[in-house]
Amino acid sequence: MPDPERPLKIVITRPNKYVYSETFIANHIKHLPGEIVSLWGKWIPRASDSGHSFGSNPLLWFEDKFNNFTGNSLAIFRRKRLKAFLKDQKPDVVLAEYGLGGAAIAPLCVELGIPLVTYFLGLDAYGHKILKKWGDGYHYLFNHAARVVAVSKDMQQQLINLGCPPEKLAWVVCGVDPLFAELKVNEHPRQPVFLAVGRFVEKKSPLVLVRSFARVLLEVPDARLVSYGDGPMWEDAKALSTQLGIQHAIHFCGKGKPEVIADEMQHAIAFVQHSVRAENGDSEGTPVAILEASAAGLPIVSTQHAGIKDTVVNGETGILVKEHDEAAFAQGMIMLARDPELALRMGLAGRAYVLKNFGLDKTISDLYHILQEAAKHR
């Protein structure tokens, strides 16, 4: 058992070295107290941030091909090197980002007697193919992990349905980056400019957003939509805007740096995101962009979906509609465009609510407390 007076030594595993849409992982690495050893690369890590490698590139390629085909992420050679690394590091606890990372590394943590905390974040809890392929791995994970963290209340119930003991579960939302929490809010009524930030994927239904915005333009001709992000549906969304004759009113910006997006938030009237359950089962956890927009003082127009319901108070800090309801989604935008004072009141209420309940200091503290409790299981 670690000394309660000593900060924890935490190994964090993540699938990607850096992905712009995974700022929540970067915040865990940067802001969790204690000594952080960060590892990355698929579900059994390839390397550490400090440059330690767990295998040669040709070997990793063949292991990855095997893992993708079978769903078995216990890459033999990489696992052996990782085991030696962890034995040498002697961490108090391992934090695995994403359920697949937890399932992949759980047997190794059991072997070494290292407590494991796994953070489920979205597709890993809902994707049909993932659940089919990783069912046995999740069963082992739920039995052996010290704690399992979900980012929404809906996800908590989903993990219980998958077999996770309720007493192991915790709800911790990915907190708001200080960049957005510390923004000076423009407390003046704004022009009807709507902001969207997120990958162009099915669960964010960008085509529904474009069609809904076409409805907005019929009522508010001077409205504009500024959209940041990329992904497989980006070209489809652009093509649809041209087909509908509204390309002049939508600015598809591609990826945006956080500082640029923060600046946009000071000028937009509202943040919009039409999240849905995708055909493959993919679902949101709690979208960080929505939390950031609320923290920046923007009202939210979104859907009654996943963790959005946990963080947006419908009618007070934003407007939530049923999934796929284009007309209602458009009406939410029209209402705010026609009443900038209402948009401002909702935005300020949302800022107060999010900073009180989901500020980064609070969520990091909650997660660290879970890690401390898990470390006692050693």
Protein backbone atom coordinates (compact mmCIF):
# COMPACT_ATOMS: atom_id res chain seq x y z
CA MET A 1 0.00 0.00 0.00
CA PRO A 2 1.44 3.43 -0.94
CA ASP A 3 2.26 6.00 1.72
CA PRO A 4 -0.88 8.24 1.90
CA GLU A 5 1.36 11.27 2.39
CA ARG A 6 3.34 10.57 -0.80
CA PRO A 7 1.99 11.59 -4.23
CA LEU A 8 1.13 8.61 -6.38
CA LYS A 9 3.27 7.29 -9.19
CA ILE A 10 0.77 6.82 -12.03
CA VAL A 11 1.31 5.06 -15.36
CA ILE A 12 -1.14 6.35 -17.98
CA THR A 13 -1.69 4.32 -21.16
CA ARG A 14 -3.34 5.77 -24.25
CA PRO A 15 -3.76 4.61 -27.88
CA ASN A 16 -2.35 7.66 -29.67
CA LYS A 17 0.77 9.73 -29.23
CA TYR A 18 -1.24 12.89 -29.85
CA VAL A 19 -4.70 13.47 -31.33
CA TYR A 20 -6.20 16.97 -31.35
CA SER A 21 -9.61 15.61 -30.31
CA GLU A 22 -8.16 13.92 -27.17
CA THR A 23 -7.38 17.02 -25.12
CA PHE A 24 -8.96 15.32 -22.10
CA ILE A 25 -6.14 12.75 -22.05
CA ALA A 26 -3.55 15.50 -22.37
CA ASN A 27 -5.16 17.21 -19.37
CA HIS A 28 -4.90 14.02 -17.29
CA ILE A 29 -1.20 13.77 -18.13
CA LYS A 30 -0.57 17.44 -17.45
CA HIS A 31 -2.70 18.09 -14.38
CA LEU A 32 -2.95 14.89 -12.30
CA PRO A 33 -0.81 15.24 -9.16
CA GLY A 34 2.07 12.93 -8.51
CA GLU A 35 4.63 11.38 -10.85
CA ILE A 36 3.17 10.62 -14.28
CA VAL A 37 4.69 8.04 -16.62
CA SER A 38 2.85 8.30 -19.94
CA LEU A 39 2.78 5.45 -22.47
CA TRP A 40 1.21 5.43 -25.94
CA GLY A 41 0.53 3.31 -29.01
CA LYS A 42 -2.43 0.99 -29.68
CA TRP A 43 -3.82 -0.87 -26.66
CA ILE A 44 -0.58 -2.46 -25.50
CA PRO A 45 1.71 0.61 -25.61
CA ARG A 46 4.53 0.96 -28.12
CA ALA A 47 6.59 3.56 -26.29
CA SER A 48 6.78 6.05 -23.44
CA ASP A 49 6.76 9.82 -23.81
CA SER A 50 10.34 9.76 -22.52
CA GLY A 51 11.38 7.71 -25.56
CA HIS A 52 11.48 4.17 -24.17
CA SER A 53 10.40 1.71 -26.90
CA PHE A 54 8.77 -1.67 -26.29
CA GLY A 55 9.60 -3.21 -29.67
CA SER A 56 10.95 -2.70 -33.18
CA ASN A 57 8.76 -1.24 -35.91
CA PRO A 58 8.53 -4.37 -38.16
CA LEU A 59 7.62 -6.48 -35.15
CA LEU A 60 4.97 -4.02 -34.03
CA TRP A 61 3.44 -4.00 -37.53
CA PHE A 62 2.94 -7.78 -37.54
CA GLU A 63 1.61 -7.75 -33.98
CA ASP A 64 -0.89 -5.01 -34.85
CA LYS A 65 -2.11 -6.92 -37.92
CA PHE A 66 -2.64 -10.00 -35.76
CA ASN A 67 -4.42 -8.02 -33.07
CA ASN A 68 -6.74 -6.28 -35.55
CA PHE A 69 -7.73 -9.63 -37.01
CA THR A 70 -8.27 -11.53 -33.78
CA GLY A 71 -9.11 -8.86 -31.20
CA ASN A 72 -6.26 -10.21 -29.07
CA SER A 73 -4.21 -7.22 -27.98
CA LEU A 74 -1.81 -9.16 -25.78
CA ALA A 75 1.07 -8.69 -28.23
CA ILE A 76 3.61 -11.21 -27.00
CA PHE A 77 6.88 -9.40 -27.64
CA ARG A 78 5.65 -5.95 -26.71
CA ARG A 79 3.98 -7.33 -23.61
CA LYS A 80 7.26 -8.88 -22.44
CA ARG A 81 9.13 -5.59 -22.78
CA LEU A 82 6.28 -3.64 -21.16
CA LYS A 83 6.22 -6.07 -18.23
CA ALA A 84 9.92 -5.48 -17.59
CA PHE A 85 9.38 -1.71 -17.84
CA LEU A 86 6.51 -1.73 -15.33
CA LYS A 87 8.45 -3.94 -12.91
CA ASP A 88 11.27 -1.42 -13.03
CA GLN A 89 8.97 1.62 -12.66
CA LYS A 90 6.96 0.20 -9.73
CA PRO A 91 3.88 2.42 -10.22
CA ASP A 92 1.22 2.68 -7.54
CA VAL A 93 -1.58 2.45 -10.11
CA VAL A 94 -2.19 2.24 -13.87
CA LEU A 95 -4.77 4.49 -15.54
CA ALA A 96 -5.83 3.04 -18.91
CA GLU A 97 -7.53 5.51 -21.21
CA TYR A 98 -10.40 3.78 -23.07
CA GLY A 99 -11.93 0.43 -22.19
CA LEU A 100 -9.93 -1.42 -24.83
CA GLY A 101 -6.71 -0.19 -23.26
CA GLY A 102 -7.91 -1.45 -19.90
CA ALA A 103 -8.93 -4.84 -21.29
CA ALA A 104 -5.59 -5.21 -23.09
CA ILE A 105 -3.39 -4.42 -20.10
CA ALA A 106 -5.53 -5.95 -17.32
CA PRO A 107 -3.88 -9.42 -17.37
CA LEU A 108 -0.44 -7.80 -17.13
CA CYS A 109 -1.55 -5.64 -14.19
CA VAL A 110 -2.91 -8.74 -12.46
CA GLU A 111 0.39 -10.57 -13.03
CA LEU A 112 2.37 -7.72 -11.52
CA GLY A 113 -0.10 -6.90 -8.75
CA ILE A 114 -0.61 -3.31 -9.97
CA PRO A 115 -4.08 -1.81 -9.37
CA LEU A 116 -5.82 -0.78 -12.60
CA VAL A 117 -8.30 2.03 -13.22
CA THR A 118 -9.93 2.15 -16.66
CA TYR A 119 -11.57 5.24 -18.16
CA PHE A 120 -14.36 4.49 -20.68
CA LEU A 121 -14.95 7.39 -23.05
CA GLY A 122 -17.45 6.59 -25.84
CA LEU A 123 -17.27 4.05 -28.67
CA ASP A 124 -15.44 1.64 -26.34
CA ALA A 125 -18.65 1.25 -24.31
CA TYR A 126 -21.14 1.10 -27.20
CA GLY A 127 -19.64 -0.02 -30.53
CA HIS A 128 -21.30 -3.26 -31.65
CA LYS A 129 -18.16 -4.74 -33.23
CA ILE A 130 -16.01 -3.76 -30.26
CA LEU A 131 -18.38 -5.34 -27.76
CA LYS A 132 -18.53 -8.54 -29.80
CA LYS A 133 -14.76 -8.79 -30.28
CA TRP A 134 -13.75 -7.70 -26.78
CA GLY A 135 -16.51 -9.32 -24.74
CA ASP A 136 -14.21 -11.78 -22.93
CA GLY A 137 -11.62 -9.06 -22.38
CA TYR A 138 -14.21 -6.76 -20.83
CA HIS A 139 -15.46 -9.57 -18.59
CA TYR A 140 -11.90 -10.09 -17.31
CA LEU A 141 -11.42 -6.33 -16.93
CA PHE A 142 -14.60 -5.86 -14.90
CA ASN A 143 -13.62 -8.71 -12.60
CA HIS A 144 -10.06 -7.51 -11.97
CA ALA A 145 -9.97 -3.71 -12.32
CA ALA A 146 -9.86 -1.79 -9.05
CA ARG A 147 -12.20 0.91 -10.45
CA VAL A 148 -13.96 1.68 -13.74
CA VAL A 149 -14.74 5.29 -14.70
CA ALA A 150 -17.53 6.40 -17.06
CA VAL A 151 -17.95 9.91 -18.45
CA SER A 152 -21.76 9.91 -18.38
CA LYS A 153 -24.56 8.47 -16.32
CA ASP A 154 -25.92 6.68 -19.40
CA MET A 155 -22.52 5.05 -19.83
CA GLN A 156 -22.51 3.92 -16.20
CA GLN A 157 -25.72 2.02 -16.84
CA GLN A 158 -24.35 0.62 -20.10
CA LEU A 159 -21.28 -0.75 -18.30
CA ILE A 160 -23.51 -2.32 -15.64
CA ASN A 161 -25.47 -3.95 -18.45
CA LEU A 162 -22.18 -5.30 -19.82
CA GLY A 163 -21.36 -6.88 -16.46
CA CYS A 164 -19.38 -4.30 -14.50
CA PRO A 165 -20.13 -4.47 -10.75
CA PRO A 166 -21.89 -1.21 -9.78
CA GLU A 167 -19.66 -0.75 -6.74
CA LYS A 168 -16.59 -0.46 -9.00
CA LEU A 169 -18.09 2.30 -11.12
CA ALA A 170 -17.52 6.03 -10.85
CA TRP A 171 -18.78 8.98 -12.90
CA VAL A 172 -16.18 11.61 -13.76
CA VAL A 173 -16.66 14.00 -16.66
CA CYS A 174 -13.59 15.19 -18.56
CA GLY A 175 -13.10 18.68 -17.18
CA VAL A 176 -12.97 22.05 -18.88
CA ASP A 177 -9.57 23.19 -20.08
CA PRO A 178 -8.46 26.40 -18.27
CA LEU A 179 -8.13 28.12 -21.65
CA PHE A 180 -11.94 28.18 -21.90
CA ALA A 181 -12.72 28.50 -18.20
CA GLU A 182 -10.61 31.67 -17.96
CA LEU A 183 -11.99 33.40 -21.07
CA LYS A 184 -13.35 36.89 -20.62
CA VAL A 185 -16.98 36.54 -21.66
CA ASN A 186 -18.40 39.05 -24.11
CA GLU A 187 -21.53 40.11 -22.25
CA HIS A 188 -23.11 41.93 -25.19
CA PRO A 189 -25.83 40.55 -27.49
CA ARG A 190 -24.17 38.98 -30.52
CA GLN A 191 -24.81 38.51 -34.20
CA PRO A 192 -26.47 35.20 -35.30
CA VAL A 193 -23.21 33.28 -35.77
CA PHE A 194 -23.39 29.64 -34.67
CA LEU A 195 -20.28 27.63 -33.81
CA ALA A 196 -19.76 23.87 -34.23
CA VAL A 197 -16.58 22.03 -33.17
CA GLY A 198 -16.09 18.31 -33.62
CA ARG A 199 -15.09 15.51 -35.95
CA PHE A 200 -17.27 14.91 -39.00
CA VAL A 201 -18.47 11.44 -38.01
CA GLU A 202 -21.86 9.77 -37.87
CA LYS A 203 -22.46 10.21 -34.14
CA LYS A 204 -22.19 14.00 -34.55
CA SER A 205 -24.52 13.88 -37.61
CA PRO A 206 -23.00 16.81 -39.52
CA LEU A 207 -25.48 16.35 -42.38
CA VAL A 208 -28.39 16.88 -39.98
CA LEU A 209 -26.67 20.05 -38.80
CA VAL A 210 -26.34 21.34 -42.38
CA ARG A 211 -29.98 20.55 -43.22
CA SER A 212 -31.16 22.13 -39.98
CA PHE A 213 -29.14 25.25 -40.69
CA ALA A 214 -30.77 25.51 -44.11
CA ARG A 215 -34.08 25.80 -42.24
CA VAL A 216 -32.59 28.52 -40.03
CA LEU A 217 -31.61 30.59 -43.06
CA LEU A 218 -35.23 30.65 -44.25
CA GLU A 219 -36.13 32.53 -41.05
CA VAL A 220 -32.84 34.30 -40.30
CA PRO A 221 -31.15 35.04 -43.66
CA ASP A 222 -28.11 36.71 -42.10
CA ALA A 223 -27.28 33.71 -39.88
CA ARG A 224 -23.88 32.07 -40.29
CA LEU A 225 -22.42 28.71 -39.23
CA VAL A 226 -18.70 28.36 -38.43
CA SER A 227 -17.61 24.73 -38.24
CA TYR A 228 -14.25 23.39 -37.02
CA GLY A 229 -13.12 19.80 -37.42
CA ASP A 230 -12.40 17.15 -40.02
CA GLY A 231 -13.26 13.53 -40.60
CA PRO A 232 -14.82 11.10 -43.08
CA MET A 233 -18.05 13.09 -43.56
CA TRP A 234 -16.38 16.48 -44.11
CA GLU A 235 -16.61 16.41 -47.91
CA ASP A 236 -20.21 15.11 -47.74
CA ALA A 237 -21.19 18.03 -45.51
CA LYS A 238 -19.58 20.55 -47.86
CA ALA A 239 -21.28 18.94 -50.86
CA LEU A 240 -24.66 19.05 -49.12
CA SER A 241 -24.27 22.75 -48.33
CA THR A 242 -23.61 23.40 -52.03
CA GLN A 243 -26.54 21.21 -53.06
CA LEU A 244 -28.83 23.20 -50.74
CA GLY A 245 -27.42 26.50 -51.98
CA ILE A 246 -26.24 27.64 -48.56
CA GLN A 247 -22.47 27.29 -48.99
CA HIS A 248 -22.14 31.06 -48.67
CA ALA A 249 -23.42 30.87 -45.08
CA ILE A 250 -21.25 28.01 -43.77
CA HIS A 251 -17.52 28.29 -43.16
CA PHE A 252 -15.89 24.84 -43.03
CA CYS A 253 -12.62 25.66 -41.26
CA GLY A 254 -11.02 22.22 -40.83
CA LYS A 255 -8.99 21.56 -37.70
CA GLY A 256 -8.65 24.52 -35.38
CA LYS A 257 -6.16 25.25 -32.63
CA PRO A 258 -7.74 25.66 -29.18
CA GLU A 259 -6.74 29.33 -29.09
CA VAL A 260 -8.52 29.99 -32.39
CA ILE A 261 -11.66 28.19 -31.26
CA ALA A 262 -11.62 30.06 -27.95
CA ASP A 263 -11.57 33.33 -29.89
CA GLU A 264 -14.49 32.19 -32.04
CA MET A 265 -16.45 31.42 -28.89
CA GLN A 266 -16.24 35.06 -27.85
CA HIS A 267 -18.12 36.11 -30.98
CA ALA A 268 -20.66 33.33 -31.62
CA ILE A 269 -24.23 33.48 -30.33
CA ALA A 270 -24.48 29.74 -29.54
CA PHE A 271 -22.73 26.39 -29.82
CA VAL A 272 -24.46 23.68 -31.87
CA GLN A 273 -23.93 19.90 -31.98
CA HIS A 274 -26.50 17.34 -33.12
CA SER A 275 -25.19 14.17 -31.44
CA VAL A 276 -26.93 10.84 -32.14
CA ARG A 277 -26.43 7.11 -31.59
CA ALA A 278 -24.64 5.90 -34.73
CA GLU A 279 -25.67 2.82 -36.69
CA ASN A 280 -22.59 0.95 -35.45
CA GLY A 281 -23.59 1.69 -31.85
CA ASP A 282 -21.11 4.54 -31.37
CA SER A 283 -22.28 7.15 -28.89
CA GLU A 284 -20.91 10.20 -27.16
CA GLY A 285 -19.54 10.08 -23.66
CA THR A 286 -19.81 13.68 -22.52
CA PRO A 287 -18.56 15.91 -25.36
CA VAL A 288 -15.72 18.08 -24.11
CA ALA A 289 -16.46 20.74 -26.75
CA ILE A 290 -19.91 21.30 -25.26
CA LEU A 291 -18.40 21.78 -21.78
CA GLU A 292 -15.83 24.19 -23.20
CA ALA A 293 -18.48 26.20 -25.03
CA SER A 294 -20.61 26.45 -21.89
CA ALA A 295 -17.58 27.54 -19.89
CA ALA A 296 -16.98 30.24 -22.49
CA GLY A 297 -20.49 31.60 -21.96
CA LEU A 298 -22.31 30.11 -24.97
CA PRO A 299 -25.77 28.56 -24.81
CA ILE A 300 -25.91 25.04 -26.25
CA VAL A 301 -28.26 23.73 -28.93
CA SER A 302 -27.90 19.95 -28.92
CA THR A 303 -29.73 16.65 -28.39
CA GLN A 304 -31.04 14.62 -25.46
CA HIS A 305 -28.12 12.25 -25.88
CA ALA A 306 -25.67 10.50 -23.54
CA GLY A 307 -23.75 12.83 -21.19
CA ILE A 308 -25.10 15.98 -22.84
CA LYS A 309 -28.17 15.54 -20.63
CA ASP A 310 -25.87 15.54 -17.57
CA THR A 311 -24.17 18.83 -18.39
CA VAL A 312 -26.77 21.00 -20.19
CA VAL A 313 -29.87 22.09 -18.26
CA ASN A 314 -32.59 22.12 -20.91
CA GLY A 315 -34.31 25.51 -21.08
CA GLU A 316 -31.81 27.14 -18.72
CA THR A 317 -28.32 26.70 -20.14
CA GLY A 318 -29.29 25.43 -23.57
CA ILE A 319 -31.91 23.79 -25.75
CA LEU A 320 -31.99 20.01 -26.14
CA VAL A 321 -34.12 18.20 -28.72
CA LYS A 322 -34.70 14.59 -29.70
CA GLU A 323 -32.11 12.93 -31.90
CA HIS A 324 -32.67 13.38 -35.67
CA ASP A 325 -35.35 16.06 -35.13
CA GLU A 326 -34.09 18.59 -37.69
CA ALA A 327 -37.07 20.91 -37.36
CA ALA A 328 -36.80 21.21 -33.58
CA PHE A 329 -33.05 21.65 -33.79
CA ALA A 330 -33.50 24.46 -36.30
CA GLN A 331 -36.15 26.10 -34.10
CA GLY A 332 -33.72 26.12 -31.19
CA MET A 333 -31.21 28.06 -33.27
CA ILE A 334 -33.90 30.39 -34.61
CA MET A 335 -35.12 31.16 -31.08
CA LEU A 336 -31.64 32.24 -29.96
CA ALA A 337 -30.92 34.15 -33.16
CA ARG A 338 -34.12 36.18 -32.72
CA ASP A 339 -33.50 36.81 -29.01
CA PRO A 340 -29.82 37.59 -28.38
CA GLU A 341 -30.64 38.64 -24.81
CA LEU A 342 -32.03 35.15 -24.12
CA ALA A 343 -28.91 33.62 -25.67
CA LEU A 344 -26.74 35.74 -23.39
CA ARG A 345 -28.69 34.80 -20.25
CA MET A 346 -28.55 31.10 -21.10
CA GLY A 347 -24.84 31.34 -21.87
CA LEU A 348 -23.99 33.03 -18.57
CA ALA A 349 -26.11 30.49 -16.66
CA GLY A 350 -24.31 27.68 -18.47
CA ARG A 351 -20.92 29.14 -17.63
CA ALA A 352 -21.74 29.31 -13.93
CA TYR A 353 -23.18 25.78 -13.94
CA VAL A 354 -20.29 24.14 -15.79
CA LEU A 355 -17.50 25.89 -13.90
CA LYS A 356 -19.10 24.92 -10.59
CA ASN A 357 -19.69 21.28 -11.46
CA PHE A 358 -17.23 20.35 -14.20
CA GLY A 359 -14.19 22.62 -13.84
CA LEU A 360 -10.88 20.90 -14.49
CA ASP A 361 -9.71 21.33 -10.89
CA LYS A 362 -12.76 19.45 -9.62
CA THR A 363 -12.71 16.63 -12.18
CA ILE A 364 -8.96 16.09 -11.80
CA SER A 365 -9.38 16.01 -8.03
CA ASP A 366 -12.22 13.48 -8.35
CA LEU A 367 -10.15 11.26 -10.65
CA TYR A 368 -7.08 11.48 -8.41
CA HIS A 369 -9.17 10.45 -5.40
CA ILE A 370 -10.32 7.37 -7.35
CA LEU A 371 -6.71 6.54 -8.20
CA GLN A 372 -5.73 6.93 -4.54
CA GLU A 373 -8.50 4.55 -3.48
CA ALA A 374 -7.49 2.07 -6.20
CA ALA A 375 -3.83 2.17 -5.12
CA LYS A 376 -4.88 0.86 -1.70
CA HIS A 377 -5.86 -2.42 -3.39
CA ARG A 378 -2.21 -3.30 -3.93
